[in-house]
Amino acid sequence: DTTRMRLVKTLAHGGSPVTALAEAPGLAVYNTSRHLKVLRDAGLVETEVNAQQRIYRLAAPVRGQLERNPRVLDLGCCSFRLDEIEE
């Protein structure tokens, strides 16, 4: 899904609350939360509770992989070129 890949690309720059992530792709907070749940269930995103907010960030293995090659996300079954995804 293009929206989820844009969220991954945004999170590659660091953790963020859902409200800030919703502004980047122009989505409603509810829809952004649903996309983040799919990413979390897939093991690509993790959350940290900070007072009343949840901060979303890429899971450690994904961050490590993108540190080695920031342009490509390789999931084993398939790979995605993040440099070709519009923000």
PDB file of N, CA and C in Angstrom:
ATOM      1  N   ASP A   1       0.841  -1.180   0.000  1.00  0.00           N
ATOM      2  CA  ASP A   1       0.000   0.000   0.000  1.00  0.00           C
ATOM      3  C   ASP A   1       0.891   1.250   0.000  1.00  0.00           C
ATOM      4  N   THR A   2       0.619   2.153  -0.883  1.00  0.00           N
ATOM      5  CA  THR A   2       1.442   3.356  -1.020  1.00  0.00           C
ATOM      6  C   THR A   2       1.427   4.209   0.243  1.00  0.00           C
ATOM      7  N   THR A   3       0.274   4.332   0.879  1.00  0.00           N
ATOM      8  CA  THR A   3       0.190   5.149   2.100  1.00  0.00           C
ATOM      9  C   THR A   3       1.065   4.569   3.198  1.00  0.00           C
ATOM     10  N   ARG A   4       1.040   3.260   3.364  1.00  0.00           N
ATOM     11  CA  ARG A   4       1.865   2.635   4.397  1.00  0.00           C
ATOM     12  C   ARG A   4       3.348   2.798   4.083  1.00  0.00           C
ATOM     13  N   MET A   5       3.702   2.709   2.828  1.00  0.00           N
ATOM     14  CA  MET A   5       5.107   2.897   2.466  1.00  0.00           C
ATOM     15  C   MET A   5       5.533   4.349   2.693  1.00  0.00           C
ATOM     16  N   ARG A   6       4.639   5.296   2.470  1.00  0.00           N
ATOM     17  CA  ARG A   6       4.969   6.695   2.786  1.00  0.00           C
ATOM     18  C   ARG A   6       5.166   6.870   4.283  1.00  0.00           C
ATOM     19  N   LEU A   7       4.362   6.182   5.081  1.00  0.00           N
ATOM     20  CA  LEU A   7       4.537   6.242   6.532  1.00  0.00           C
ATOM     21  C   LEU A   7       5.880   5.641   6.940  1.00  0.00           C
ATOM     22  N   VAL A   8       6.252   4.522   6.335  1.00  0.00           N
ATOM     23  CA  VAL A   8       7.557   3.913   6.631  1.00  0.00           C
ATOM     24  C   VAL A   8       8.666   4.891   6.265  1.00  0.00           C
ATOM     25  N   LYS A   9       8.551   5.511   5.118  1.00  0.00           N
ATOM     26  CA  LYS A   9       9.572   6.466   4.681  1.00  0.00           C
ATOM     27  C   LYS A   9       9.661   7.653   5.648  1.00  0.00           C
ATOM     28  N   THR A  10       8.533   8.130   6.124  1.00  0.00           N
ATOM     29  CA  THR A  10       8.518   9.225   7.094  1.00  0.00           C
ATOM     30  C   THR A  10       9.143   8.786   8.410  1.00  0.00           C
ATOM     31  N   LEU A  11       8.808   7.581   8.871  1.00  0.00           N
ATOM     32  CA  LEU A  11       9.349   7.076  10.128  1.00  0.00           C
ATOM     33  C   LEU A  11      10.833   6.763  10.045  1.00  0.00           C
ATOM     34  N   ALA A  12      11.359   6.626   8.849  1.00  0.00           N
ATOM     35  CA  ALA A  12      12.798   6.402   8.695  1.00  0.00           C
ATOM     36  C   ALA A  12      13.597   7.595   9.204  1.00  0.00           C
ATOM     37  N   HIS A  13      12.947   8.749   9.312  1.00  0.00           N
ATOM     38  CA  HIS A  13      13.594   9.961   9.810  1.00  0.00           C
ATOM     39  C   HIS A  13      13.488  10.094  11.325  1.00  0.00           C
ATOM     40  N   GLY A  14      12.753   9.184  11.972  1.00  0.00           N
ATOM     41  CA  GLY A  14      12.623   9.218  13.425  1.00  0.00           C
ATOM     42  C   GLY A  14      11.194   8.981  13.866  1.00  0.00           C
ATOM     43  N   GLY A  15      11.029   8.757  15.168  1.00  0.00           N
ATOM     44  CA  GLY A  15       9.718   8.495  15.743  1.00  0.00           C
ATOM     45  C   GLY A  15       8.823   9.712  15.711  1.00  0.00           C
ATOM     46  N   SER A  16       7.516   9.445  15.754  1.00  0.00           N
ATOM     47  CA  SER A  16       6.563  10.531  15.650  1.00  0.00           C
ATOM     48  C   SER A  16       5.210  10.089  16.200  1.00  0.00           C
ATOM     49  N   PRO A  17       4.429  11.018  16.762  1.00  0.00           N
ATOM     50  CA  PRO A  17       3.061  10.679  17.175  1.00  0.00           C
ATOM     51  C   PRO A  17       2.149  10.594  15.953  1.00  0.00           C
ATOM     52  N   VAL A  18       1.035   9.929  16.117  1.00  0.00           N
ATOM     53  CA  VAL A  18       0.120   9.716  14.996  1.00  0.00           C
ATOM     54  C   VAL A  18      -0.392  11.037  14.419  1.00  0.00           C
ATOM     55  N   THR A  19      -0.585  12.047  15.254  1.00  0.00           N
ATOM     56  CA  THR A  19      -1.097  13.319  14.741  1.00  0.00           C
ATOM     57  C   THR A  19      -0.123  13.952  13.753  1.00  0.00           C
ATOM     58  N   ALA A  20       1.171  13.874  14.034  1.00  0.00           N
ATOM     59  CA  ALA A  20       2.176  14.424  13.118  1.00  0.00           C
ATOM     60  C   ALA A  20       2.265  13.571  11.858  1.00  0.00           C
ATOM     61  N   LEU A  21       2.146  12.253  12.001  1.00  0.00           N
ATOM     62  CA  LEU A  21       2.196  11.378  10.838  1.00  0.00           C
ATOM     63  C   LEU A  21       0.994  11.601   9.928  1.00  0.00           C
ATOM     64  N   ALA A  22      -0.152  11.912  10.511  1.00  0.00           N
ATOM     65  CA  ALA A  22      -1.352  12.154   9.709  1.00  0.00           C
ATOM     66  C   ALA A  22      -1.208  13.411   8.861  1.00  0.00           C
ATOM     67  N   GLU A  23      -0.447  14.384   9.325  1.00  0.00           N
ATOM     68  CA  GLU A  23      -0.259  15.615   8.564  1.00  0.00           C
ATOM     69  C   GLU A  23       0.592  15.378   7.325  1.00  0.00           C
ATOM     70  N   ALA A  24       1.617  14.529   7.441  1.00  0.00           N
ATOM     71  CA  ALA A  24       2.546  14.312   6.319  1.00  0.00           C
ATOM     72  C   ALA A  24       1.833  13.771   5.084  1.00  0.00           C
ATOM     73  N   PRO A  25       1.115  12.647   5.165  1.00  0.00           N
ATOM     74  CA  PRO A  25       0.464  12.146   3.954  1.00  0.00           C
ATOM     75  C   PRO A  25      -0.910  12.751   3.702  1.00  0.00           C
ATOM     76  N   GLY A  26      -1.370  13.645   4.581  1.00  0.00           N
ATOM     77  CA  GLY A  26      -2.676  14.269   4.391  1.00  0.00           C
ATOM     78  C   GLY A  26      -3.839  13.359   4.733  1.00  0.00           C
ATOM     79  N   LEU A  27      -3.643  12.454   5.665  1.00  0.00           N
ATOM     80  CA  LEU A  27      -4.693  11.532   6.089  1.00  0.00           C
ATOM     81  C   LEU A  27      -5.345  11.996   7.377  1.00  0.00           C
ATOM     82  N   ALA A  28      -6.527  11.471   7.626  1.00  0.00           N
ATOM     83  CA  ALA A  28      -7.162  11.682   8.918  1.00  0.00           C
ATOM     84  C   ALA A  28      -6.414  10.852   9.957  1.00  0.00           C
ATOM     85  N   VAL A  29      -6.439  11.279  11.194  1.00  0.00           N
ATOM     86  CA  VAL A  29      -5.754  10.565  12.275  1.00  0.00           C
ATOM     87  C   VAL A  29      -6.274   9.127  12.364  1.00  0.00           C
ATOM     88  N   TYR A  30      -7.574   8.945  12.233  1.00  0.00           N
ATOM     89  CA  TYR A  30      -8.154   7.597  12.314  1.00  0.00           C
ATOM     90  C   TYR A  30      -7.558   6.685  11.237  1.00  0.00           C
ATOM     91  N   ASN A  31      -7.520   7.146   9.998  1.00  0.00           N
ATOM     92  CA  ASN A  31      -6.981   6.321   8.907  1.00  0.00           C
ATOM     93  C   ASN A  31      -5.497   6.046   9.101  1.00  0.00           C
ATOM     94  N   THR A  32      -4.762   7.034   9.574  1.00  0.00           N
ATOM     95  CA  THR A  32      -3.339   6.849   9.834  1.00  0.00           C
ATOM     96  C   THR A  32      -3.144   5.792  10.910  1.00  0.00           C
ATOM     97  N   SER A  33      -3.963   5.832  11.948  1.00  0.00           N
ATOM     98  CA  SER A  33      -3.881   4.825  13.015  1.00  0.00           C
ATOM     99  C   SER A  33      -4.138   3.428  12.481  1.00  0.00           C
ATOM    100  N   ARG A  34      -5.067   3.287  11.574  1.00  0.00           N
ATOM    101  CA  ARG A  34      -5.368   1.976  10.992  1.00  0.00           C
ATOM    102  C   ARG A  34      -4.177   1.459  10.173  1.00  0.00           C
ATOM    103  N   HIS A  35      -3.554   2.349   9.394  1.00  0.00           N
ATOM    104  CA  HIS A  35      -2.377   1.957   8.617  1.00  0.00           C
ATOM    105  C   HIS A  35      -1.223   1.569   9.557  1.00  0.00           C
ATOM    106  N   LEU A  36      -1.050   2.318  10.634  1.00  0.00           N
ATOM    107  CA  LEU A  36       0.014   2.014  11.589  1.00  0.00           C
ATOM    108  C   LEU A  36      -0.224   0.677  12.282  1.00  0.00           C
ATOM    109  N   LYS A  37      -1.482   0.330  12.529  1.00  0.00           N
ATOM    110  CA  LYS A  37      -1.793  -0.966  13.125  1.00  0.00           C
ATOM    111  C   LYS A  37      -1.364  -2.096  12.190  1.00  0.00           C
ATOM    112  N   VAL A  38      -1.612  -1.948  10.905  1.00  0.00           N
ATOM    113  CA  VAL A  38      -1.192  -2.968   9.937  1.00  0.00           C
ATOM    114  C   VAL A  38       0.328  -3.100   9.955  1.00  0.00           C
ATOM    115  N   LEU A  39       1.021  -1.968   9.969  1.00  0.00           N
ATOM    116  CA  LEU A  39       2.488  -1.987   9.999  1.00  0.00           C
ATOM    117  C   LEU A  39       3.013  -2.600  11.302  1.00  0.00           C
ATOM    118  N   ARG A  40       2.341  -2.291  12.405  1.00  0.00           N
ATOM    119  CA  ARG A  40       2.743  -2.859  13.699  1.00  0.00           C
ATOM    120  C   ARG A  40       2.505  -4.358  13.721  1.00  0.00           C
ATOM    121  N   ASP A  41       1.359  -4.806  13.220  1.00  0.00           N
ATOM    122  CA  ASP A  41       1.051  -6.238  13.176  1.00  0.00           C
ATOM    123  C   ASP A  41       2.041  -6.996  12.286  1.00  0.00           C
ATOM    124  N   ALA A  42       2.589  -6.316  11.277  1.00  0.00           N
ATOM    125  CA  ALA A  42       3.570  -6.927  10.383  1.00  0.00           C
ATOM    126  C   ALA A  42       4.976  -6.901  10.964  1.00  0.00           C
ATOM    127  N   GLY A  43       5.143  -6.247  12.121  1.00  0.00           N
ATOM    128  CA  GLY A  43       6.447  -6.181  12.767  1.00  0.00           C
ATOM    129  C   GLY A  43       7.366  -5.103  12.226  1.00  0.00           C
ATOM    130  N   LEU A  44       6.815  -4.168  11.457  1.00  0.00           N
ATOM    131  CA  LEU A  44       7.635  -3.102  10.882  1.00  0.00           C
ATOM    132  C   LEU A  44       7.701  -1.862  11.762  1.00  0.00           C
ATOM    133  N   VAL A  45       6.705  -1.690  12.614  1.00  0.00           N
ATOM    134  CA  VAL A  45       6.599  -0.494  13.452  1.00  0.00           C
ATOM    135  C   VAL A  45       6.393  -0.925  14.898  1.00  0.00           C
ATOM    136  N   GLU A  46       6.956  -0.148  15.816  1.00  0.00           N
ATOM    137  CA  GLU A  46       6.736  -0.373  17.243  1.00  0.00           C
ATOM    138  C   GLU A  46       6.280   0.942  17.869  1.00  0.00           C
ATOM    139  N   THR A  47       5.672   0.835  19.032  1.00  0.00           N
ATOM    140  CA  THR A  47       5.180   2.029  19.709  1.00  0.00           C
ATOM    141  C   THR A  47       5.820   2.168  21.076  1.00  0.00           C
ATOM    142  N   GLU A  48       5.896   3.409  21.497  1.00  0.00           N
ATOM    143  CA  GLU A  48       6.369   3.736  22.839  1.00  0.00           C
ATOM    144  C   GLU A  48       5.362   4.705  23.427  1.00  0.00           C
ATOM    145  N   VAL A  49       4.898   4.426  24.636  1.00  0.00           N
ATOM    146  CA  VAL A  49       3.946   5.310  25.289  1.00  0.00           C
ATOM    147  C   VAL A  49       4.726   6.392  26.010  1.00  0.00           C
ATOM    148  N   ASN A  50       4.386   7.632  25.705  1.00  0.00           N
ATOM    149  CA  ASN A  50       5.033   8.796  26.303  1.00  0.00           C
ATOM    150  C   ASN A  50       3.932   9.691  26.844  1.00  0.00           C
ATOM    151  N   ALA A  51       3.646   9.565  28.135  1.00  0.00           N
ATOM    152  CA  ALA A  51       2.544  10.287  28.785  1.00  0.00           C
ATOM    153  C   ALA A  51       1.233   9.891  28.090  1.00  0.00           C
ATOM    154  N   GLN A  52       0.549  10.838  27.464  1.00  0.00           N
ATOM    155  CA  GLN A  52      -0.731  10.568  26.806  1.00  0.00           C
ATOM    156  C   GLN A  52      -0.579  10.189  25.337  1.00  0.00           C
ATOM    157  N   GLN A  53       0.648  10.220  24.815  1.00  0.00           N
ATOM    158  CA  GLN A  53       0.881   9.962  23.400  1.00  0.00           C
ATOM    159  C   GLN A  53       1.545   8.623  23.164  1.00  0.00           C
ATOM    160  N   ARG A  54       1.284   8.079  21.991  1.00  0.00           N
ATOM    161  CA  ARG A  54       2.029   6.920  21.504  1.00  0.00           C
ATOM    162  C   ARG A  54       2.970   7.431  20.423  1.00  0.00           C
ATOM    163  N   ILE A  55       4.225   7.111  20.588  1.00  0.00           N
ATOM    164  CA  ILE A  55       5.217   7.491  19.600  1.00  0.00           C
ATOM    165  C   ILE A  55       5.486   6.259  18.738  1.00  0.00           C
ATOM    166  N   TYR A  56       5.321   6.418  17.451  1.00  0.00           N
ATOM    167  CA  TYR A  56       5.548   5.325  16.509  1.00  0.00           C
ATOM    168  C   TYR A  56       6.938   5.468  15.922  1.00  0.00           C
ATOM    169  N   ARG A  57       7.634   4.328  15.803  1.00  0.00           N
ATOM    170  CA  ARG A  57       8.957   4.320  15.167  1.00  0.00           C
ATOM    171  C   ARG A  57       9.122   2.989  14.463  1.00  0.00           C
ATOM    172  N   LEU A  58      10.048   2.963  13.538  1.00  0.00           N
ATOM    173  CA  LEU A  58      10.331   1.701  12.859  1.00  0.00           C
ATOM    174  C   LEU A  58      10.908   0.716  13.858  1.00  0.00           C
ATOM    175  N   ALA A  59      10.574  -0.541  13.690  1.00  0.00           N
ATOM    176  CA  ALA A  59      11.110  -1.593  14.558  1.00  0.00           C
ATOM    177  C   ALA A  59      12.626  -1.661  14.372  1.00  0.00           C
ATOM    178  N   ALA A  60      13.326  -2.081  15.400  1.00  0.00           N
ATOM    179  CA  ALA A  60      14.794  -2.107  15.391  1.00  0.00           C
ATOM    180  C   ALA A  60      15.386  -2.824  14.171  1.00  0.00           C
ATOM    181  N   PRO A  61      14.882  -4.009  13.777  1.00  0.00           N
ATOM    182  CA  PRO A  61      15.468  -4.659  12.597  1.00  0.00           C
ATOM    183  C   PRO A  61      15.298  -3.836  11.317  1.00  0.00           C
ATOM    184  N   VAL A  62      14.179  -3.156  11.197  1.00  0.00           N
ATOM    185  CA  VAL A  62      13.925  -2.325  10.014  1.00  0.00           C
ATOM    186  C   VAL A  62      14.858  -1.114  10.023  1.00  0.00           C
ATOM    187  N   ARG A  63      15.010  -0.495  11.193  1.00  0.00           N
ATOM    188  CA  ARG A  63      15.934   0.650  11.305  1.00  0.00           C
ATOM    189  C   ARG A  63      17.345   0.223  10.930  1.00  0.00           C
ATOM    190  N   GLY A  64      17.786  -0.934  11.433  1.00  0.00           N
ATOM    191  CA  GLY A  64      19.122  -1.428  11.127  1.00  0.00           C
ATOM    192  C   GLY A  64      19.317  -1.665   9.639  1.00  0.00           C
ATOM    193  N   GLN A  65      18.322  -2.246   9.027  1.00  0.00           N
ATOM    194  CA  GLN A  65      18.402  -2.507   7.590  1.00  0.00           C
ATOM    195  C   GLN A  65      18.473  -1.202   6.802  1.00  0.00           C
ATOM    196  N   LEU A  66      17.655  -0.223   7.180  1.00  0.00           N
ATOM    197  CA  LEU A  66      17.652   1.054   6.458  1.00  0.00           C
ATOM    198  C   LEU A  66      18.915   1.869   6.729  1.00  0.00           C
ATOM    199  N   GLU A  67      19.580   1.616   7.853  1.00  0.00           N
ATOM    200  CA  GLU A  67      20.866   2.275   8.091  1.00  0.00           C
ATOM    201  C   GLU A  67      21.910   1.766   7.095  1.00  0.00           C
ATOM    202  N   ARG A  68      21.833   0.484   6.774  1.00  0.00           N
ATOM    203  CA  ARG A  68      22.770  -0.098   5.812  1.00  0.00           C
ATOM    204  C   ARG A  68      22.438   0.324   4.380  1.00  0.00           C
ATOM    205  N   ASN A  69      21.148   0.416   4.053  1.00  0.00           N
ATOM    206  CA  ASN A  69      20.728   0.811   2.712  1.00  0.00           C
ATOM    207  C   ASN A  69      19.435   1.605   2.836  1.00  0.00           C
ATOM    208  N   PRO A  70      19.519   2.940   2.938  1.00  0.00           N
ATOM    209  CA  PRO A  70      18.334   3.760   3.186  1.00  0.00           C
ATOM    210  C   PRO A  70      17.363   3.852   2.010  1.00  0.00           C
ATOM    211  N   ARG A  71      17.743   3.328   0.868  1.00  0.00           N
ATOM    212  CA  ARG A  71      16.870   3.433  -0.301  1.00  0.00           C
ATOM    213  C   ARG A  71      15.958   2.239  -0.492  1.00  0.00           C
ATOM    214  N   VAL A  72      16.306   1.076   0.084  1.00  0.00           N
ATOM    215  CA  VAL A  72      15.546  -0.150  -0.172  1.00  0.00           C
ATOM    216  C   VAL A  72      15.142  -0.816   1.146  1.00  0.00           C
ATOM    217  N   LEU A  73      13.871  -1.166   1.246  1.00  0.00           N
ATOM    218  CA  LEU A  73      13.371  -1.949   2.373  1.00  0.00           C
ATOM    219  C   LEU A  73      13.143  -3.362   1.867  1.00  0.00           C
ATOM    220  N   ASP A  74      13.944  -4.302   2.344  1.00  0.00           N
ATOM    221  CA  ASP A  74      13.864  -5.697   1.913  1.00  0.00           C
ATOM    222  C   ASP A  74      13.166  -6.499   2.994  1.00  0.00           C
ATOM    223  N   LEU A  75      11.989  -7.034   2.674  1.00  0.00           N
ATOM    224  CA  LEU A  75      11.213  -7.803   3.636  1.00  0.00           C
ATOM    225  C   LEU A  75      11.435  -9.305   3.507  1.00  0.00           C
ATOM    226  N   GLY A  76      12.351  -9.709   2.662  1.00  0.00           N
ATOM    227  CA  GLY A  76      12.593 -11.129   2.443  1.00  0.00           C
ATOM    228  C   GLY A  76      11.743 -11.660   1.307  1.00  0.00           C
ATOM    229  N   CYS A  77      10.443 -11.457   1.416  1.00  0.00           N
ATOM    230  CA  CYS A  77       9.535 -11.909   0.363  1.00  0.00           C
ATOM    231  C   CYS A  77       9.477 -10.925  -0.794  1.00  0.00           C
ATOM    232  N   CYS A  78       9.777  -9.677  -0.500  1.00  0.00           N
ATOM    233  CA  CYS A  78       9.712  -8.614  -1.494  1.00  0.00           C
ATOM    234  C   CYS A  78      10.523  -7.423  -0.993  1.00  0.00           C
ATOM    235  N   SER A  79      10.822  -6.521  -1.884  1.00  0.00           N
ATOM    236  CA  SER A  79      11.559  -5.324  -1.476  1.00  0.00           C
ATOM    237  C   SER A  79      10.902  -4.095  -2.090  1.00  0.00           C
ATOM    238  N   PHE A  80      11.101  -2.980  -1.429  1.00  0.00           N
ATOM    239  CA  PHE A  80      10.490  -1.718  -1.850  1.00  0.00           C
ATOM    240  C   PHE A  80      11.566  -0.654  -1.935  1.00  0.00           C
ATOM    241  N   ARG A  81      11.545   0.098  -2.992  1.00  0.00           N
ATOM    242  CA  ARG A  81      12.482   1.212  -3.168  1.00  0.00           C
ATOM    243  C   ARG A  81      11.853   2.452  -2.549  1.00  0.00           C
ATOM    244  N   LEU A  82      12.336   2.835  -1.382  1.00  0.00           N
ATOM    245  CA  LEU A  82      11.788   3.992  -0.686  1.00  0.00           C
ATOM    246  C   LEU A  82      12.096   5.296  -1.410  1.00  0.00           C
ATOM    247  N   ASP A  83      13.191   5.306  -2.175  1.00  0.00           N
ATOM    248  CA  ASP A  83      13.535   6.528  -2.884  1.00  0.00           C
ATOM    249  C   ASP A  83      12.602   6.803  -4.064  1.00  0.00           C
ATOM    250  N   GLU A  84      11.750   5.853  -4.406  1.00  0.00           N
ATOM    251  CA  GLU A  84      10.781   6.046  -5.484  1.00  0.00           C
ATOM    252  C   GLU A  84       9.380   6.381  -4.974  1.00  0.00           C
ATOM    253  N   ILE A  85       9.228   6.435  -3.655  1.00  0.00           N
ATOM    254  CA  ILE A  85       7.922   6.727  -3.053  1.00  0.00           C
ATOM    255  C   ILE A  85       7.854   8.210  -2.721  1.00  0.00           C
ATOM    256  N   GLU A  86       6.800   8.847  -3.209  1.00  0.00           N
ATOM    257  CA  GLU A  86       6.619  10.280  -2.929  1.00  0.00           C
ATOM    258  C   GLU A  86       6.156  10.467  -1.498  1.00  0.00           C
ATOM    259  N   GLU A  87       6.648  11.528  -0.872  1.00  0.00           N
ATOM    260  CA  GLU A  87       6.231  11.819   0.506  1.00  0.00           C
ATOM    261  C   GLU A  87       5.004  12.682   0.507  1.00  0.00           C
TER     262      GLU A  87
END
